[in-house]
N, C-alpha and C. Protein backbone atom coordinates (compact mmCIF):
# COMPACT_ATOMS: atom_id res chain seq x y z
N MET A 1 -30.94 105.19 48.22
CA MET A 1 -29.68 104.34 48.76
C MET A 1 -30.71 103.32 49.54
N GLY A 2 -31.12 101.76 49.34
CA GLY A 2 -31.50 100.93 50.33
C GLY A 2 -31.38 100.89 51.30
N LEU A 3 -32.37 100.47 52.33
CA LEU A 3 -32.24 99.81 53.78
C LEU A 3 -31.44 99.09 53.94
N PRO A 4 -30.47 98.76 54.44
CA PRO A 4 -30.18 97.12 54.76
C PRO A 4 -31.51 96.27 55.32
N ILE A 5 -31.13 94.84 55.13
CA ILE A 5 -31.86 93.82 55.60
C ILE A 5 -32.18 93.64 56.72
N ASP A 6 -31.33 93.60 57.43
CA ASP A 6 -31.93 94.06 59.19
C ASP A 6 -32.65 95.17 59.44
N ASN A 7 -32.96 96.47 58.79
CA ASN A 7 -33.37 97.50 59.42
C ASN A 7 -34.56 97.52 58.36
N ALA A 8 -35.51 96.72 57.45
CA ALA A 8 -36.38 96.92 56.73
C ALA A 8 -37.30 96.96 57.75
N ASP A 9 -38.90 97.21 57.23
CA ASP A 9 -39.91 97.22 58.02
C ASP A 9 -40.49 96.44 58.54
N PRO A 10 -40.93 96.41 59.34
CA PRO A 10 -41.11 94.97 59.95
C PRO A 10 -42.27 93.69 59.83
N GLN A 11 -43.48 94.98 59.08
CA GLN A 11 -44.47 94.09 58.37
C GLN A 11 -43.94 93.13 56.97
N PHE A 12 -42.86 93.49 56.90
CA PHE A 12 -42.12 92.64 55.23
C PHE A 12 -41.01 92.13 55.60
N VAL A 13 -40.90 90.98 55.32
CA VAL A 13 -39.85 89.91 55.36
C VAL A 13 -39.63 89.91 53.89
N GLN A 14 -38.08 89.91 54.14
CA GLN A 14 -37.49 89.74 52.84
C GLN A 14 -36.38 88.58 52.90
N ASN A 15 -36.70 87.64 52.38
CA ASN A 15 -35.94 86.57 52.42
C ASN A 15 -34.98 86.38 51.14
N TRP A 16 -33.61 86.19 51.03
CA TRP A 16 -32.70 86.66 49.85
C TRP A 16 -32.10 85.53 49.98
N THR A 17 -31.89 84.59 49.12
CA THR A 17 -31.24 83.98 49.05
C THR A 17 -30.43 83.43 47.33
N PRO A 18 -29.16 82.97 47.34
CA PRO A 18 -28.52 83.61 46.08
C PRO A 18 -29.00 82.38 45.35
N ASP A 19 -29.08 82.75 43.93
CA ASP A 19 -29.03 81.52 42.87
C ASP A 19 -30.56 81.19 43.04
N TRP A 20 -31.28 81.44 43.50
CA TRP A 20 -32.61 81.17 43.25
C TRP A 20 -33.93 81.61 42.39
N PHE A 21 -33.18 83.00 41.81
CA PHE A 21 -34.22 83.10 41.20
C PHE A 21 -34.00 83.09 39.89
N THR A 22 -35.04 82.69 39.45
CA THR A 22 -35.43 82.36 37.53
C THR A 22 -35.49 84.27 36.69
N ASN A 23 -35.90 85.32 37.49
CA ASN A 23 -36.21 86.39 36.71
C ASN A 23 -35.55 87.45 37.93
N PRO A 24 -34.28 88.09 37.85
CA PRO A 24 -33.53 88.40 38.61
C PRO A 24 -34.27 90.00 38.73
N HIS A 25 -34.26 90.58 40.00
CA HIS A 25 -34.01 91.95 40.13
C HIS A 25 -32.88 92.54 41.36
N PHE A 26 -33.12 93.88 41.43
CA PHE A 26 -31.42 94.41 41.23
C PHE A 26 -31.36 93.73 42.95
N GLY A 27 -29.89 93.31 42.79
CA GLY A 27 -29.27 92.80 43.48
C GLY A 27 -29.46 91.36 44.10
N HIS A 28 -29.99 90.61 43.27
CA HIS A 28 -30.34 89.39 42.81
C HIS A 28 -29.72 88.73 42.27
N ILE A 29 -28.80 87.19 42.32
CA ILE A 29 -28.29 86.63 41.35
C ILE A 29 -28.76 85.98 39.98
N GLU A 30 -28.62 86.20 39.15
CA GLU A 30 -29.11 85.21 37.93
C GLU A 30 -28.91 83.38 37.83
N ASP A 31 -29.90 83.13 37.52
CA ASP A 31 -29.55 81.28 37.48
C ASP A 31 -29.26 81.09 35.99
N ALA A 32 -28.37 81.10 35.53
CA ALA A 32 -27.55 80.62 34.14
C ALA A 32 -28.61 80.10 33.46
N ALA A 33 -29.30 78.84 33.92
CA ALA A 33 -30.10 77.72 33.47
C ALA A 33 -31.75 78.68 32.62
N SER A 34 -31.93 79.72 33.87
CA SER A 34 -33.15 80.65 33.79
C SER A 34 -33.30 81.60 32.04
N ARG A 35 -31.94 81.41 31.52
CA ARG A 35 -31.50 82.74 30.21
C ARG A 35 -32.49 81.56 28.95
N ASN A 36 -32.51 80.57 29.21
CA ASN A 36 -32.88 80.41 27.91
C ASN A 36 -34.06 78.91 28.39
N PRO A 37 -35.29 79.03 29.25
CA PRO A 37 -35.93 77.90 29.86
C PRO A 37 -36.72 77.25 28.60
N PRO A 38 -36.71 75.87 29.31
CA PRO A 38 -36.89 75.08 28.15
C PRO A 38 -38.83 75.19 27.99
N VAL A 39 -39.38 75.10 27.10
CA VAL A 39 -40.87 75.33 27.18
C VAL A 39 -41.05 73.97 27.16
N PRO A 40 -42.37 73.99 28.52
CA PRO A 40 -43.14 73.08 28.61
C PRO A 40 -43.59 72.35 28.14
N ARG A 41 -43.86 70.70 28.03
CA ARG A 41 -44.62 69.96 27.14
C ARG A 41 -46.19 69.92 27.41
N ILE A 42 -47.05 70.00 26.77
CA ILE A 42 -48.05 69.72 27.26
C ILE A 42 -48.79 68.21 27.30
N ALA A 43 -48.75 67.34 28.15
CA ALA A 43 -48.90 66.11 28.28
C ALA A 43 -50.80 65.73 27.55
N THR A 44 -50.55 64.41 26.81
CA THR A 44 -51.55 64.41 25.62
C THR A 44 -52.87 63.34 26.92
N PRO A 45 -54.58 63.57 26.50
CA PRO A 45 -54.96 62.91 27.26
C PRO A 45 -54.94 61.21 27.40
N ARG A 46 -53.91 60.64 26.76
CA ARG A 46 -53.68 59.02 26.43
C ARG A 46 -52.90 59.61 27.90
N GLU A 47 -51.37 60.03 28.11
CA GLU A 47 -50.33 60.23 29.18
C GLU A 47 -51.32 60.57 30.11
N ILE A 48 -52.33 61.27 29.75
CA ILE A 48 -52.83 61.85 31.87
C ILE A 48 -53.52 60.64 32.11
N LEU A 49 -54.30 59.95 31.42
CA LEU A 49 -55.36 58.94 32.24
C LEU A 49 -54.13 56.95 32.23
N SER A 50 -52.75 57.76 32.07
CA SER A 50 -51.85 56.69 32.62
C SER A 50 -51.27 56.83 33.18
N LEU A 51 -51.75 58.00 33.69
CA LEU A 51 -50.91 58.22 35.32
C LEU A 51 -51.78 57.05 36.26
N PRO A 52 -50.88 57.40 37.70
CA PRO A 52 -51.48 56.64 38.55
C PRO A 52 -52.53 57.65 39.23
N ALA A 53 -53.72 56.96 39.51
CA ALA A 53 -54.79 57.46 40.23
C ALA A 53 -54.01 58.09 42.05
N ARG A 54 -54.54 59.71 42.29
CA ARG A 54 -54.07 60.02 43.38
C ARG A 54 -55.43 59.86 44.05
N LYS A 55 -54.99 59.52 45.63
CA LYS A 55 -56.09 59.29 46.31
C LYS A 55 -56.11 60.76 47.23
N LYS A 56 -55.66 61.89 46.96
CA LYS A 56 -56.07 62.78 47.91
C LYS A 56 -55.77 63.81 46.88
N GLY A 57 -56.22 65.63 46.97
CA GLY A 57 -56.20 66.05 45.88
C GLY A 57 -57.07 66.30 45.26
N PHE A 58 -57.37 67.29 44.21
CA PHE A 58 -58.45 67.61 42.90
C PHE A 58 -58.19 66.97 41.85
N PHE A 59 -56.95 66.44 41.73
CA PHE A 59 -56.82 65.96 40.31
C PHE A 59 -56.96 64.52 40.44
N ARG A 60 -57.75 63.95 40.10
CA ARG A 60 -58.45 62.60 40.12
C ARG A 60 -58.02 61.55 38.77
N PRO A 61 -57.27 61.46 37.84
CA PRO A 61 -57.20 60.91 36.38
C PRO A 61 -57.77 59.70 36.53
N ASP A 62 -58.20 58.60 37.06
CA ASP A 62 -59.33 57.85 36.95
C ASP A 62 -60.65 58.53 37.05
N ARG A 63 -60.89 59.82 37.33
CA ARG A 63 -62.19 60.51 37.28
C ARG A 63 -62.04 61.33 35.83
N VAL A 64 -61.26 61.20 35.05
CA VAL A 64 -61.44 62.56 33.62
C VAL A 64 -62.66 61.73 33.19
N GLY A 65 -63.57 63.08 32.97
CA GLY A 65 -65.14 62.69 31.85
C GLY A 65 -65.98 62.46 32.64
N THR A 66 -65.82 62.16 33.96
CA THR A 66 -67.25 61.39 34.56
C THR A 66 -68.21 62.50 34.84
N ALA A 67 -67.84 63.80 34.27
CA ALA A 67 -68.39 64.71 34.53
C ALA A 67 -70.02 64.91 33.62
N MET A 68 -69.57 64.50 32.60
CA MET A 68 -70.79 64.10 31.34
C MET A 68 -70.98 62.94 31.35
N ALA A 69 -71.05 61.76 31.99
CA ALA A 69 -71.12 60.45 32.05
C ALA A 69 -72.79 60.07 31.95
N ALA A 70 -73.36 61.14 32.63
CA ALA A 70 -74.92 60.63 32.95
C ALA A 70 -75.57 60.34 31.94
N PRO A 71 -76.29 58.75 32.18
CA PRO A 71 -76.88 58.48 31.57
C PRO A 71 -77.69 58.80 30.95
N GLY A 72 -78.12 59.26 29.05
CA GLY A 72 -79.19 59.41 28.78
C GLY A 72 -79.08 60.93 28.68
N GLY A 73 -78.22 61.72 29.78
CA GLY A 73 -78.06 63.06 29.52
C GLY A 73 -78.04 63.82 28.21
N VAL A 74 -77.18 63.56 27.23
CA VAL A 74 -76.82 64.15 26.54
C VAL A 74 -77.65 63.51 25.35
N ASP A 75 -78.14 62.35 25.61
CA ASP A 75 -79.53 61.87 24.05
C ASP A 75 -81.02 62.73 24.50
N ARG A 76 -81.33 63.25 26.30
CA ARG A 76 -82.28 63.85 26.69
C ARG A 76 -82.09 65.23 26.09
N TRP A 77 -81.05 65.71 26.03
CA TRP A 77 -81.21 67.28 26.14
C TRP A 77 -81.01 67.34 24.28
N LEU A 78 -80.10 66.45 23.53
CA LEU A 78 -80.63 66.42 21.92
C LEU A 78 -81.87 66.54 21.41
N SER A 79 -82.63 65.30 22.11
CA SER A 79 -83.99 65.47 21.64
C SER A 79 -85.03 66.55 22.06
N PHE A 80 -84.82 66.93 23.21
CA PHE A 80 -85.53 68.38 23.45
C PHE A 80 -85.49 68.88 22.80
N GLU A 81 -83.85 69.24 21.82
CA GLU A 81 -83.32 70.63 21.03
C GLU A 81 -84.18 70.21 20.11
N LEU A 82 -84.33 68.78 19.47
CA LEU A 82 -84.71 69.00 17.74
C LEU A 82 -86.29 68.81 18.25
N GLY A 83 -86.76 68.67 18.89
CA GLY A 83 -87.88 68.85 19.35
C GLY A 83 -88.52 70.02 19.39
N ARG A 84 -87.71 70.94 19.80
CA ARG A 84 -87.82 72.33 19.80
C ARG A 84 -88.01 73.06 18.26
N LEU A 85 -86.87 72.68 17.16
CA LEU A 85 -86.68 72.56 16.16
C LEU A 85 -87.50 72.26 15.00
N ASN A 86 -88.05 71.35 15.59
CA ASN A 86 -88.95 70.66 14.42
C ASN A 86 -90.60 70.74 14.93
N ALA A 87 -90.72 71.94 15.91
CA ALA A 87 -92.05 71.93 16.12
C ALA A 87 -93.32 72.45 15.01
N GLY A 88 -92.73 72.54 14.24
CA GLY A 88 -93.25 73.66 13.53
C GLY A 88 -93.66 72.86 12.10
N LEU A 89 -93.29 71.23 12.21
CA LEU A 89 -93.39 70.51 11.09
C LEU A 89 -95.04 70.12 10.53
N VAL A 90 -95.03 70.33 9.05
CA VAL A 90 -96.60 69.62 9.62
C VAL A 90 -96.70 67.96 8.71
N THR A 91 -97.30 67.05 9.71
CA THR A 91 -97.17 66.01 10.17
C THR A 91 -98.27 65.10 9.23
N ALA A 92 -99.93 66.19 9.01
CA ALA A 92 -100.49 65.58 8.49
C ALA A 92 -100.58 65.98 6.91
N LYS A 93 -99.50 65.74 6.29
CA LYS A 93 -99.87 66.15 4.76
C LYS A 93 -101.18 65.84 4.15
N LYS A 94 -100.85 66.42 2.79
CA LYS A 94 -102.15 67.07 1.77
C LYS A 94 -101.29 66.41 0.71
N SER A 95 -102.47 66.03 -0.05
CA SER A 95 -101.85 65.99 -1.41
C SER A 95 -102.17 67.45 -2.24
N LEU A 96 -100.86 66.95 -3.63
CA LEU A 96 -101.20 68.61 -4.08
C LEU A 96 -102.53 69.05 -4.40
N ALA A 97 -103.56 68.24 -5.18
CA ALA A 97 -104.31 68.04 -5.94
C ALA A 97 -105.95 68.87 -5.15
N VAL A 98 -105.48 67.98 -3.49
CA VAL A 98 -106.83 68.41 -2.14
C VAL A 98 -106.05 70.28 -2.15
N LEU A 99 -104.70 70.50 -2.45
CA LEU A 99 -104.45 71.99 -1.95
C LEU A 99 -105.33 72.96 -2.75
N LEU A 100 -105.46 72.25 -4.67
CA LEU A 100 -105.50 73.37 -5.18
C LEU A 100 -106.82 73.31 -5.23
N ALA A 101 -107.87 72.70 -4.59
CA ALA A 101 -109.01 72.79 -4.77
C ALA A 101 -109.39 73.65 -3.79
N GLU A 102 -108.45 73.68 -2.26
CA GLU A 102 -108.89 74.30 -1.40
C GLU A 102 -109.28 76.61 -1.60
N PRO A 103 -110.20 76.73 -0.76
CA PRO A 103 -110.04 78.09 -1.56
C PRO A 103 -108.67 78.74 -0.61
N ARG A 104 -108.36 78.56 0.75
CA ARG A 104 -107.37 78.77 1.22
C ARG A 104 -106.78 77.71 1.79
N PRO A 105 -105.77 76.95 1.09
CA PRO A 105 -104.72 75.85 0.76
C PRO A 105 -103.85 76.09 2.18
N ALA A 106 -104.06 74.63 3.11
CA ALA A 106 -103.16 75.02 4.55
C ALA A 106 -103.54 73.62 5.27
N CYS A 107 -102.14 73.39 6.07
CA CYS A 107 -102.43 72.28 6.52
C CYS A 107 -102.15 72.85 8.21
N ALA A 108 -102.28 71.47 8.98
CA ALA A 108 -102.03 72.01 10.43
C ALA A 108 -100.87 70.93 11.06
N THR A 109 -99.40 72.24 11.56
CA THR A 109 -98.08 71.80 11.96
C THR A 109 -98.44 70.85 12.95
N ARG A 110 -97.57 70.66 13.75
CA ARG A 110 -97.50 69.75 14.69
C ARG A 110 -97.92 70.29 16.07
N GLU A 111 -97.59 71.17 16.06
CA GLU A 111 -98.58 72.18 17.33
C GLU A 111 -99.89 72.69 17.42
N GLY A 112 -100.13 72.51 16.19
CA GLY A 112 -101.82 72.75 15.58
C GLY A 112 -101.87 73.96 15.15
N VAL A 113 -100.72 74.92 14.61
CA VAL A 113 -100.46 76.08 13.65
C VAL A 113 -100.70 75.62 12.54
N GLU A 114 -101.81 76.55 11.79
CA GLU A 114 -102.00 76.75 10.25
C GLU A 114 -100.39 76.78 9.44
N HIS A 115 -100.55 76.14 8.73
CA HIS A 115 -99.05 75.99 7.78
C HIS A 115 -99.36 76.24 6.25
N SER A 116 -99.97 77.50 6.11
CA SER A 116 -100.20 77.92 4.50
C SER A 116 -99.66 77.69 3.40
N PHE A 117 -100.07 77.91 2.05
CA PHE A 117 -99.39 77.58 0.80
C PHE A 117 -99.80 79.40 0.01
N GLU A 118 -99.09 79.27 -0.78
CA GLU A 118 -98.92 80.25 -1.92
C GLU A 118 -99.40 79.64 -2.64
N ARG A 119 -100.69 80.37 -3.40
CA ARG A 119 -101.03 79.87 -4.77
C ARG A 119 -100.11 79.20 -5.98
N GLU A 120 -99.67 80.68 -6.07
CA GLU A 120 -98.29 80.52 -7.34
C GLU A 120 -97.20 79.15 -7.23
N ALA A 121 -97.31 78.97 -6.14
CA ALA A 121 -95.81 78.12 -5.52
C ALA A 121 -97.31 76.51 -5.59
N LEU A 122 -98.20 76.82 -5.77
CA LEU A 122 -98.92 75.07 -5.64
C LEU A 122 -98.95 75.03 -7.75
N ASP A 123 -99.48 76.03 -7.85
CA ASP A 123 -99.53 76.35 -9.51
C ASP A 123 -98.33 76.02 -10.26
N ARG A 124 -97.28 76.01 -9.55
CA ARG A 124 -95.88 76.35 -10.75
C ARG A 124 -95.03 74.69 -10.06
N LEU A 125 -95.92 73.94 -9.12
CA LEU A 125 -95.73 72.30 -9.30
C LEU A 125 -96.41 71.77 -9.62
N ALA A 126 -97.92 71.81 -10.28
CA ALA A 126 -99.04 71.29 -10.68
C ALA A 126 -98.65 71.43 -12.04
N GLY A 127 -97.76 72.42 -12.60
CA GLY A 127 -97.74 72.61 -13.77
C GLY A 127 -96.08 71.60 -14.15
N VAL A 128 -95.62 71.25 -13.07
CA VAL A 128 -94.75 69.95 -14.10
C VAL A 128 -95.18 68.33 -13.99
N LEU A 129 -96.12 68.71 -12.92
CA LEU A 129 -96.65 66.72 -12.93
C LEU A 129 -98.58 66.41 -13.70
N GLY A 130 -98.28 65.46 -13.57
CA GLY A 130 -99.64 64.92 -14.18
C GLY A 130 -100.60 64.52 -13.21
N PRO A 131 -102.14 64.34 -14.02
CA PRO A 131 -103.20 64.57 -12.80
C PRO A 131 -102.85 63.67 -11.66
N GLU A 132 -102.25 62.27 -12.26
CA GLU A 132 -102.44 61.51 -10.99
C GLU A 132 -101.28 61.55 -10.23
N GLU A 133 -100.13 62.14 -10.67
CA GLU A 133 -98.83 62.58 -9.79
C GLU A 133 -99.32 63.94 -8.34
N ARG A 134 -99.88 64.28 -9.16
CA ARG A 134 -100.71 65.68 -8.15
C ARG A 134 -101.53 65.15 -7.31
N ASP A 135 -101.97 64.00 -7.78
CA ASP A 135 -103.03 63.38 -6.45
C ASP A 135 -101.93 62.47 -5.48
N ALA A 136 -101.09 62.00 -6.17
CA ALA A 136 -99.60 61.12 -4.92
C ALA A 136 -98.95 62.31 -4.31
N LEU A 137 -98.73 63.35 -5.23
CA LEU A 137 -97.88 63.97 -4.41
C LEU A 137 -98.36 65.23 -3.13
N ARG A 138 -97.54 64.35 -1.65
CA ARG A 138 -97.95 64.77 -0.67
C ARG A 138 -96.96 66.61 -0.04
N LEU A 139 -97.75 67.31 0.13
CA LEU A 139 -96.87 68.40 0.17
C LEU A 139 -97.33 68.72 2.36
N PRO A 140 -96.40 69.66 2.71
CA PRO A 140 -95.08 70.05 1.72
C PRO A 140 -94.06 68.84 1.79
N ILE A 141 -93.46 69.04 1.01
CA ILE A 141 -91.89 68.68 0.94
C ILE A 141 -90.77 68.57 1.48
N THR A 142 -90.13 66.96 2.37
CA THR A 142 -89.55 67.06 3.59
C THR A 142 -88.30 67.69 3.38
N LEU A 143 -87.41 68.45 3.56
CA LEU A 143 -85.59 68.65 3.45
C LEU A 143 -85.52 67.99 4.38
N PHE A 144 -84.52 66.84 5.00
CA PHE A 144 -83.93 66.63 6.04
C PHE A 144 -82.61 66.83 5.85
N VAL A 145 -81.78 68.12 7.14
CA VAL A 145 -80.98 67.42 7.51
C VAL A 145 -80.23 67.15 8.97
N ARG A 146 -79.49 66.22 8.88
CA ARG A 146 -78.57 65.45 9.88
C ARG A 146 -77.28 66.19 10.08
N GLY A 147 -76.68 66.48 11.16
CA GLY A 147 -75.37 66.01 11.64
C GLY A 147 -74.61 65.71 11.00
N ASP A 148 -74.66 64.14 11.40
CA ASP A 148 -73.50 63.24 10.18
C ASP A 148 -73.24 63.43 9.17
N LEU A 149 -74.42 64.50 8.24
CA LEU A 149 -74.10 64.46 6.62
C LEU A 149 -73.19 66.16 6.40
N GLY A 150 -72.90 66.65 7.76
CA GLY A 150 -72.71 67.81 7.08
C GLY A 150 -73.21 68.94 6.46
N ASP A 151 -72.77 69.67 5.66
CA ASP A 151 -73.50 70.65 4.62
C ASP A 151 -74.57 70.07 3.63
N THR A 152 -75.29 69.56 4.31
CA THR A 152 -76.06 68.72 2.95
C THR A 152 -77.38 68.27 3.65
N ALA A 153 -78.07 68.30 2.47
CA ALA A 153 -79.70 67.72 3.32
C ALA A 153 -80.00 66.88 2.08
N PHE A 154 -81.47 66.74 2.40
CA PHE A 154 -81.90 65.65 1.32
C PHE A 154 -83.19 65.42 1.17
N VAL A 155 -83.75 64.69 -0.05
CA VAL A 155 -85.31 64.36 -0.14
C VAL A 155 -85.21 63.05 -0.52
N SER A 156 -86.37 62.37 0.74
CA SER A 156 -86.41 60.96 0.42
C SER A 156 -87.34 60.66 -1.00
N ASP A 157 -88.45 61.78 -0.64
CA ASP A 157 -89.55 61.18 -1.38
C ASP A 157 -89.57 61.56 -3.38
N PRO A 158 -89.43 60.07 -3.51
CA PRO A 158 -88.81 60.18 -5.05
C PRO A 158 -89.68 61.24 -5.99
N LEU A 159 -91.09 61.23 -5.94
CA LEU A 159 -92.09 62.08 -6.56
C LEU A 159 -91.64 63.68 -5.84
N GLY A 160 -91.70 63.26 -4.80
CA GLY A 160 -91.23 64.90 -4.50
C GLY A 160 -89.97 65.68 -5.14
N ALA A 161 -89.02 64.60 -5.23
CA ALA A 161 -87.64 65.04 -5.74
C ALA A 161 -87.62 65.47 -6.82
N ARG A 162 -88.24 64.56 -7.68
CA ARG A 162 -88.54 64.58 -9.27
C ARG A 162 -89.20 66.23 -9.39
N ALA A 163 -90.46 66.66 -8.71
CA ALA A 163 -90.98 67.79 -8.56
C ALA A 163 -90.34 68.70 -8.61
N LEU A 164 -89.51 68.62 -7.75
CA LEU A 164 -88.61 69.78 -7.04
C LEU A 164 -87.56 70.14 -8.12
N ARG A 165 -87.29 69.17 -8.60
CA ARG A 165 -85.65 69.20 -9.72
C ARG A 165 -86.58 69.75 -10.99
N GLU A 166 -87.73 69.46 -11.39
CA GLU A 166 -88.33 69.62 -12.64
C GLU A 166 -89.01 71.28 -12.24
N ALA A 167 -89.49 71.48 -11.00
CA ALA A 167 -89.84 73.13 -10.92
C ALA A 167 -88.93 73.91 -10.91
N GLU A 168 -87.86 73.57 -10.30
CA GLU A 168 -86.32 74.28 -10.10
C GLU A 168 -85.32 74.25 -11.23
N ARG A 169 -85.84 73.26 -12.17
CA ARG A 169 -84.78 72.83 -13.36
C ARG A 169 -83.29 72.43 -13.19
N PHE A 170 -82.96 71.55 -12.43
CA PHE A 170 -81.80 71.23 -11.97
C PHE A 170 -81.31 70.58 -12.91
N GLY A 171 -82.04 70.04 -13.78
CA GLY A 171 -81.68 69.45 -14.91
C GLY A 171 -80.82 68.01 -14.31
N SER A 172 -79.51 67.53 -14.87
CA SER A 172 -79.09 66.07 -14.32
C SER A 172 -78.49 66.70 -13.05
N ALA A 173 -78.42 68.10 -12.39
CA ALA A 173 -77.61 68.27 -11.64
C ALA A 173 -78.34 67.47 -10.31
N PHE A 174 -77.99 67.20 -9.32
CA PHE A 174 -78.35 66.69 -7.93
C PHE A 174 -79.75 65.24 -8.16
N PRO A 175 -79.14 63.70 -8.81
CA PRO A 175 -79.87 63.35 -9.31
C PRO A 175 -80.33 62.36 -8.21
N TYR A 176 -81.44 61.38 -8.16
CA TYR A 176 -81.83 60.84 -7.17
C TYR A 176 -81.70 59.25 -6.71
N ARG A 177 -80.54 59.42 -6.22
CA ARG A 177 -79.82 57.63 -5.65
C ARG A 177 -79.78 57.39 -4.75
N ASP A 178 -80.18 55.66 -4.34
CA ASP A 178 -80.02 55.08 -3.47
C ASP A 178 -81.79 55.74 -2.14
N GLY A 179 -82.63 56.01 -2.79
CA GLY A 179 -83.45 56.64 -2.27
C GLY A 179 -83.71 57.99 -1.75
N LYS A 180 -82.23 58.47 -1.96
CA LYS A 180 -82.39 59.71 -1.45
C LYS A 180 -81.58 60.98 -3.07
N MET A 181 -82.30 62.63 -2.96
CA MET A 181 -81.77 63.73 -3.49
C MET A 181 -81.04 64.44 -2.81
N TYR A 182 -79.63 64.73 -2.76
CA TYR A 182 -78.81 65.40 -1.78
C TYR A 182 -79.07 66.59 -2.62
N LEU A 183 -78.86 67.94 -1.60
CA LEU A 183 -78.56 68.93 -1.83
C LEU A 183 -77.12 69.46 -1.29
N PRO A 184 -77.29 70.67 -1.53
CA PRO A 184 -75.98 71.58 -0.66
C PRO A 184 -76.99 72.57 0.73
N HIS A 185 -76.21 72.31 2.19
CA HIS A 185 -77.61 72.68 2.93
C HIS A 185 -78.05 74.21 2.67
N SER A 186 -76.93 75.25 2.39
CA SER A 186 -77.25 76.32 1.45
C SER A 186 -78.63 77.04 0.86
N LEU A 187 -78.50 75.78 -0.29
CA LEU A 187 -79.51 75.45 -1.39
C LEU A 187 -81.28 75.19 -0.32
N ALA A 188 -80.65 74.14 0.69
CA ALA A 188 -81.63 73.13 0.83
C ALA A 188 -82.51 74.68 1.94
N VAL A 189 -82.14 75.68 2.20
CA VAL A 189 -82.60 76.66 3.32
C VAL A 189 -82.82 77.86 2.16
N ASP A 190 -82.56 78.12 0.97
CA ASP A 190 -83.29 79.29 0.42
C ASP A 190 -84.16 78.31 -0.47
N LEU A 191 -84.29 77.22 -0.99
CA LEU A 191 -85.31 76.79 -1.27
C LEU A 191 -86.23 76.50 -0.26
N ALA A 192 -86.10 76.41 0.47
CA ALA A 192 -87.34 76.33 1.80
C ALA A 192 -87.82 78.00 2.01
N ARG A 193 -87.09 78.90 2.34
CA ARG A 193 -87.07 80.31 1.82
C ARG A 193 -88.49 80.90 0.84
N ARG A 194 -88.17 80.62 -0.26
CA ARG A 194 -89.06 80.87 -0.91
C ARG A 194 -89.96 79.63 -1.60
N SER A 195 -90.32 79.08 -0.83
CA SER A 195 -90.88 77.98 -1.84
C SER A 195 -92.69 77.95 -1.42
N GLY A 196 -92.79 78.77 -0.41
CA GLY A 196 -94.35 79.46 -0.56
C GLY A 196 -95.21 78.32 0.30
N GLY A 197 -94.26 77.41 1.25
CA GLY A 197 -94.92 76.30 2.30
C GLY A 197 -94.81 75.05 1.47
N THR A 198 -94.35 75.30 0.34
CA THR A 198 -94.25 74.12 -0.48
C THR A 198 -93.30 72.58 -0.01
N LEU A 199 -92.03 73.38 0.94
CA LEU A 199 -91.07 72.72 1.15
C LEU A 199 -91.07 72.91 2.86
N GLN A 200 -90.67 71.85 3.50
CA GLN A 200 -90.05 72.30 4.99
C GLN A 200 -89.31 71.83 5.57
N ILE A 201 -87.96 71.90 5.92
CA ILE A 201 -86.79 71.19 6.62
C ILE A 201 -87.30 70.73 8.31
N ALA A 202 -86.68 68.95 8.38
CA ALA A 202 -86.38 68.70 9.38
C ALA A 202 -85.12 68.23 9.46
N PHE A 203 -85.06 68.77 11.11
CA PHE A 203 -83.81 68.24 11.96
C PHE A 203 -84.15 67.26 12.37
N GLY A 204 -82.56 66.13 12.01
CA GLY A 204 -82.59 65.05 13.34
C GLY A 204 -81.31 64.35 13.33
């Protein structure tokens, strides 16, 4: 048996107002409108931005999005991350003919680290090219990956694209058109992994 409201413990205040409780407890009166409350609709960004700016409080529609509006902040972050990803790229490439003549075929990366080539991989490319083409082909062949291309990579060097197509026996697949040979990103990663150093991936 509960105590009357007037005799309740003084440290608790019990205020009971009829018809004010949408989730009734024992002794409360249920509001009929709360039995099937309407589902609130989430305002769209356009509706939020169209609201009049409040001069007080935490919400200021006129300032929505300004936290990421630092000039050049995102660009600097992207440049830094791309620099980290591309730190191991070879910038001073060598011809296939020069690499074949070296006892330990290798190039230097942007950071000065040795980028070595497997002899079998060089011989495989040499087997599909003539003498002049071996002099002209610069290694490693670069596969470019860009965010705006989705799940796609490409080779821009026409001779490198032909050598890759012949060595991998692509046949008519992945033709070189408009200055590029496009490949699925997963295939590009697999080719670079087993290329013996003759392929590299550049992110941009």
